[in-house]
């Protein structure tokens, strides 16, 4: 069983403000925090604009779709959708405008080893960097201003569906607690809770338990989530859960 999604249709808004009226601003101690969308490339990527925006020429070099959440609690995940690689499960750090991140990487759900994930945030508009051995890659992502629409557990309340390998259905209650069932492996269920990290930012912490029938993936997980828009506002969750052995990305729709 894998809790993942072959997600070729994740909506990407490669625009720092996404047409929103939200104000994009970072304080000095929060550079790099946000929801990020863009991708990964084997080619070196550069910022050429004084405003810190990524040029269309550079965006065309992106070979693999990517998305990430860098939360105000200094937890982060980035997901390479095309290769099914999740980078997560560590505390990020900052040196000036640089992001220093040493995550475990999970390939198709299984944990492997740490990689060096580093980059720089440019004028709150974009991040650019590279991943070092044993995976070698470059990444470029733009800031999604919906990060500043805040967090609200009522926004998450309701039924969500995830059309992945096991077709999960999630029910989130008003207090953030949730349960999940699979239409494929019906005896495997999950339960957990979402909690607010910072009410002014669109970011949520997650705790999850998979029951014994989910073996070998049974056990406790932690993670992060945020909402983005597909057809309606806040109708898509991007979320990653992970522990020392396994890590999964999900994108349930409401």
Protein backbone atom coordinates (compact mmCIF):
# COMPACT_ATOMS: atom_id res chain seq x y z
CA UNK A 1 0.00 0.00 0.00
CA UNK A 2 1.20 3.48 -0.82
CA UNK A 3 -0.52 6.67 0.31
CA UNK A 4 0.42 8.83 -2.62
CA UNK A 5 -1.05 10.45 -5.67
CA UNK A 6 0.09 10.37 -9.28
CA UNK A 7 -0.52 14.08 -9.29
CA UNK A 8 0.06 15.44 -12.76
CA UNK A 9 -2.87 17.82 -12.37
CA UNK A 10 -1.87 19.75 -9.25
CA UNK A 11 -2.74 23.39 -10.02
CA UNK A 12 0.35 25.58 -10.17
CA UNK A 13 0.25 29.35 -10.20
CA UNK A 14 3.70 30.43 -11.30
CA UNK A 15 3.18 33.99 -10.20
CA UNK A 16 4.35 35.39 -6.91
CA UNK A 17 1.01 37.00 -6.13
CA UNK A 18 -1.28 34.62 -8.03
CA UNK A 19 -3.71 37.43 -8.87
CA UNK A 20 -4.59 37.76 -5.18
CA UNK A 21 -5.03 40.96 -3.23
CA UNK A 22 -3.00 39.54 -0.33
CA UNK A 23 0.05 41.53 0.67
CA UNK A 24 3.29 39.63 0.24
CA UNK A 25 5.75 40.61 2.95
CA UNK A 26 8.27 38.81 5.10
CA UNK A 27 9.91 39.93 8.30
CA UNK A 28 13.64 39.40 8.60
CA UNK A 29 13.26 36.21 10.62
CA UNK A 30 10.75 34.52 8.33
CA UNK A 31 12.44 34.51 4.93
CA UNK A 32 11.57 31.31 3.16
CA UNK A 33 8.34 30.63 5.01
CA UNK A 34 5.31 30.08 2.82
CA UNK A 35 3.60 27.85 0.29
CA UNK A 36 5.86 27.30 -2.72
CA UNK A 37 5.04 26.00 -6.20
CA UNK A 38 7.37 25.37 -9.10
CA UNK A 39 9.65 22.45 -9.74
CA UNK A 40 12.98 20.70 -10.06
CA UNK A 41 15.55 20.59 -12.84
CA UNK A 42 18.85 18.94 -13.65
CA UNK A 43 19.93 22.29 -15.11
CA UNK A 44 21.29 25.14 -12.96
CA UNK A 45 18.67 27.84 -12.40
CA UNK A 46 19.32 31.53 -11.84
CA UNK A 47 17.48 34.68 -10.80
CA UNK A 48 18.13 37.52 -13.24
CA UNK A 49 15.49 40.04 -12.19
CA UNK A 50 16.29 42.76 -9.65
CA UNK A 51 12.82 42.16 -8.19
CA UNK A 52 13.70 38.57 -7.39
CA UNK A 53 11.20 37.06 -9.79
CA UNK A 54 12.01 33.96 -11.82
CA UNK A 55 12.02 34.61 -15.55
CA UNK A 56 9.89 32.56 -17.91
CA UNK A 57 13.11 31.36 -19.54
CA UNK A 58 14.21 29.85 -16.24
CA UNK A 59 10.79 28.33 -15.61
CA UNK A 60 10.97 26.50 -18.92
CA UNK A 61 14.00 24.65 -17.57
CA UNK A 62 11.84 23.00 -14.90
CA UNK A 63 11.59 19.30 -15.71
CA UNK A 64 9.64 17.98 -12.71
CA UNK A 65 6.72 19.58 -10.88
CA UNK A 66 7.21 20.54 -7.25
CA UNK A 67 5.35 21.98 -4.29
CA UNK A 68 6.31 22.77 -0.72
CA UNK A 69 5.29 24.22 2.62
CA UNK A 70 7.79 25.98 4.87
CA UNK A 71 5.96 26.70 8.14
CA UNK A 72 6.53 29.29 10.85
CA UNK A 73 7.48 26.52 13.29
CA UNK A 74 10.55 25.91 11.05
CA UNK A 75 9.20 22.59 9.81
CA UNK A 76 9.18 22.10 6.06
CA UNK A 77 8.45 19.68 3.27
CA UNK A 78 9.06 19.83 -0.46
CA UNK A 79 7.65 17.25 -2.87
CA UNK A 80 8.90 16.26 -6.32
CA UNK A 81 5.62 15.14 -7.86
CA UNK A 82 6.99 13.51 -11.01
CA UNK A 83 9.59 11.38 -9.23
CA UNK A 84 7.49 10.78 -6.09
CA UNK A 85 10.26 12.08 -3.83
CA UNK A 86 9.36 13.78 -0.56
CA UNK A 87 11.91 15.88 1.34
CA UNK A 88 10.79 16.24 4.97
CA UNK A 89 11.17 15.34 8.63
CA UNK A 90 13.65 17.89 9.92
CA UNK A 91 14.01 21.36 11.36
CA UNK A 92 14.99 24.02 8.88
CA UNK A 93 17.37 26.85 9.67
CA UNK A 94 18.21 30.27 8.29
CA UNK A 95 21.37 32.22 7.65
CA UNK A 96 20.28 35.64 6.45
CA UNK A 97 18.11 35.04 3.42
CA UNK A 98 19.46 31.51 2.92
CA UNK A 99 17.50 28.36 3.62
CA UNK A 100 19.53 25.55 5.16
CA UNK A 101 17.51 22.34 5.26
CA UNK A 102 18.77 18.81 5.88
CA UNK A 103 15.78 16.54 5.33
CA UNK A 104 15.30 12.83 5.05
CA UNK A 105 14.24 11.99 1.53
CA UNK A 106 11.49 9.49 0.87
CA UNK A 107 11.36 7.78 -2.52
CA UNK A 108 7.95 6.24 -3.31
CA UNK A 109 7.15 6.30 0.40
CA UNK A 110 10.30 4.70 1.84
CA UNK A 111 12.83 6.69 3.88
CA UNK A 112 16.40 6.69 2.62
CA UNK A 113 19.01 9.16 3.86
CA UNK A 114 19.51 12.85 4.47
CA UNK A 115 20.28 15.29 1.70
CA UNK A 116 21.49 18.86 1.77
CA UNK A 117 18.67 21.14 0.60
CA UNK A 118 19.70 24.79 0.43
CA UNK A 119 18.53 27.93 -1.30
CA UNK A 120 17.84 31.62 -1.03
CA UNK A 121 14.61 33.61 -0.81
CA UNK A 122 14.45 36.61 -3.15
CA UNK A 123 12.34 39.60 -2.13
CA UNK A 124 9.60 37.31 -0.81
CA UNK A 125 8.80 36.29 -4.39
CA UNK A 126 10.79 33.16 -5.11
CA UNK A 127 13.25 30.63 -3.79
CA UNK A 128 16.05 29.08 -5.75
CA UNK A 129 18.57 26.43 -4.75
CA UNK A 130 19.97 22.97 -5.07
CA UNK A 131 19.90 19.53 -3.53
CA UNK A 132 23.21 17.80 -2.97
CA UNK A 133 24.40 14.17 -2.71
CA UNK A 134 23.11 11.48 -2.84
CA UNK A 135 20.42 13.24 -4.91
CA UNK A 136 21.64 16.02 -7.18
CA UNK A 137 19.02 18.48 -8.41
CA UNK A 138 18.10 22.15 -8.68
CA UNK A 139 14.82 23.77 -7.74
CA UNK A 140 12.96 27.00 -8.45
CA UNK A 141 9.64 27.90 -6.83
CA UNK A 142 7.45 30.95 -6.48
CA UNK A 143 5.60 32.14 -3.43
CA UNK A 144 1.85 31.55 -3.19
CA UNK A 145 0.32 34.59 -1.49
CA UNK A 146 -2.62 32.53 -0.21
CA UNK A 147 -0.21 31.63 2.57
CA UNK A 148 -1.35 34.89 4.21
CA UNK A 149 -5.07 34.14 4.21
CA UNK A 150 -4.60 32.52 7.61
CA UNK A 151 -5.58 29.21 9.18
CA UNK A 152 -9.00 28.16 10.39
CA UNK A 153 -10.05 24.65 11.42
CA UNK A 154 -13.61 25.39 10.27
CA UNK A 155 -12.19 25.77 6.76
CA UNK A 156 -11.04 22.15 6.88
CA UNK A 157 -14.29 20.71 8.23
CA UNK A 158 -16.06 18.29 5.92
CA UNK A 159 -15.43 15.40 3.56
CA UNK A 160 -12.31 15.13 1.41
CA UNK A 161 -11.33 12.57 -1.20
CA UNK A 162 -7.95 11.52 -2.47
CA UNK A 163 -7.78 9.57 -5.74
CA UNK A 164 -4.45 7.85 -5.29
CA UNK A 165 -3.36 4.25 -5.12
CA UNK A 166 -5.81 3.48 -2.32
CA UNK A 167 -8.57 6.06 -2.91
CA UNK A 168 -8.79 7.57 0.57
CA UNK A 169 -11.82 9.36 1.99
CA UNK A 170 -11.16 11.75 4.88
CA UNK A 171 -13.67 13.21 7.31
CA UNK A 172 -12.39 16.28 9.19
CA UNK A 173 -14.35 17.50 12.22
CA UNK A 174 -14.69 21.06 13.51
CA UNK A 175 -12.00 20.53 16.15
CA UNK A 176 -9.46 19.38 13.52
CA UNK A 177 -9.69 15.67 14.31
CA UNK A 178 -10.12 13.37 11.32
CA UNK A 179 -10.54 9.78 10.21
CA UNK A 180 -9.74 8.15 6.90
CA UNK A 181 -10.84 5.01 5.10
CA UNK A 182 -9.60 3.35 1.93
CA UNK A 183 -11.89 1.86 -0.70
CA UNK A 184 -9.07 -0.47 -1.77
CA UNK A 185 -7.65 -1.78 1.52
CA UNK A 186 -10.81 -1.43 3.58
CA UNK A 187 -9.33 -2.72 6.85
CA UNK A 188 -6.59 -0.07 6.81
CA UNK A 189 -7.77 3.15 8.45
CA UNK A 190 -6.11 6.30 9.70
CA UNK A 191 -6.96 8.86 12.34
CA UNK A 192 -5.39 12.04 13.58
CA UNK A 193 -5.74 15.77 13.99
CA UNK A 194 -4.89 19.06 12.34
CA UNK A 195 -3.77 21.94 14.55
CA UNK A 196 -3.06 25.60 13.85
CA UNK A 197 0.57 26.72 13.98
CA UNK A 198 -0.03 30.44 13.37
CA UNK A 199 -3.59 31.69 12.85
CA UNK A 200 -2.35 34.39 10.49
CA UNK A 201 -0.76 31.90 8.10
CA UNK A 202 -2.21 29.14 5.95
CA UNK A 203 -0.32 26.27 7.59
CA UNK A 204 -1.34 23.35 9.79
CA UNK A 205 0.50 20.74 11.80
CA UNK A 206 -0.74 17.16 11.45
CA UNK A 207 -0.53 14.10 13.69
CA UNK A 208 -1.64 10.78 12.17
CA UNK A 209 -1.88 7.13 13.22
CA UNK A 210 -2.32 4.25 10.75
CA UNK A 211 -3.89 1.16 12.27
CA UNK A 212 -2.18 -2.29 12.43
CA UNK A 213 -3.93 -3.47 9.25
CA UNK A 214 -1.90 -0.86 7.33
CA UNK A 215 1.31 -2.88 7.91
CA UNK A 216 4.12 -2.29 7.11
CA UNK A 217 3.09 1.38 7.26
CA UNK A 218 1.29 1.15 10.62
CA UNK A 219 2.28 3.64 13.29
CA UNK A 220 2.45 7.32 14.14
CA UNK A 221 3.32 10.13 11.74
CA UNK A 222 3.67 13.90 11.90
CA UNK A 223 3.42 16.43 9.11
CA UNK A 224 2.33 19.72 7.59
CA UNK A 225 -0.56 20.88 5.42
CA UNK A 226 -1.92 23.97 3.67
CA UNK A 227 -4.92 24.74 1.48
CA UNK A 228 -4.77 25.84 -2.14
CA UNK A 229 -7.49 26.38 -4.75
CA UNK A 230 -8.43 24.08 -7.62
CA UNK A 231 -12.04 24.85 -8.58
CA UNK A 232 -13.04 26.74 -5.43
CA UNK A 233 -11.27 28.50 -2.59
CA UNK A 234 -9.61 26.15 -0.09
CA UNK A 235 -10.85 23.04 -1.90
CA UNK A 236 -7.47 21.27 -2.04
CA UNK A 237 -5.18 20.19 0.78
CA UNK A 238 -1.51 19.71 0.12
CA UNK A 239 -0.13 17.64 2.97
CA UNK A 240 2.81 15.45 3.85
CA UNK A 241 3.07 12.95 6.71
CA UNK A 242 6.29 11.22 7.71
CA UNK A 243 8.21 9.32 10.40
CA UNK A 244 11.64 7.71 10.55
CA UNK A 245 10.68 4.95 8.09
CA UNK A 246 8.06 6.26 5.66
CA UNK A 247 6.80 9.53 4.24
CA UNK A 248 3.80 10.26 2.00
CA UNK A 249 2.29 13.18 0.14
CA UNK A 250 -1.47 13.55 -0.30
CA UNK A 251 -3.65 16.13 -2.02
CA UNK A 252 -7.28 15.46 -1.07
CA UNK A 253 -10.06 17.47 -2.70
CA UNK A 254 -13.13 18.78 -0.91
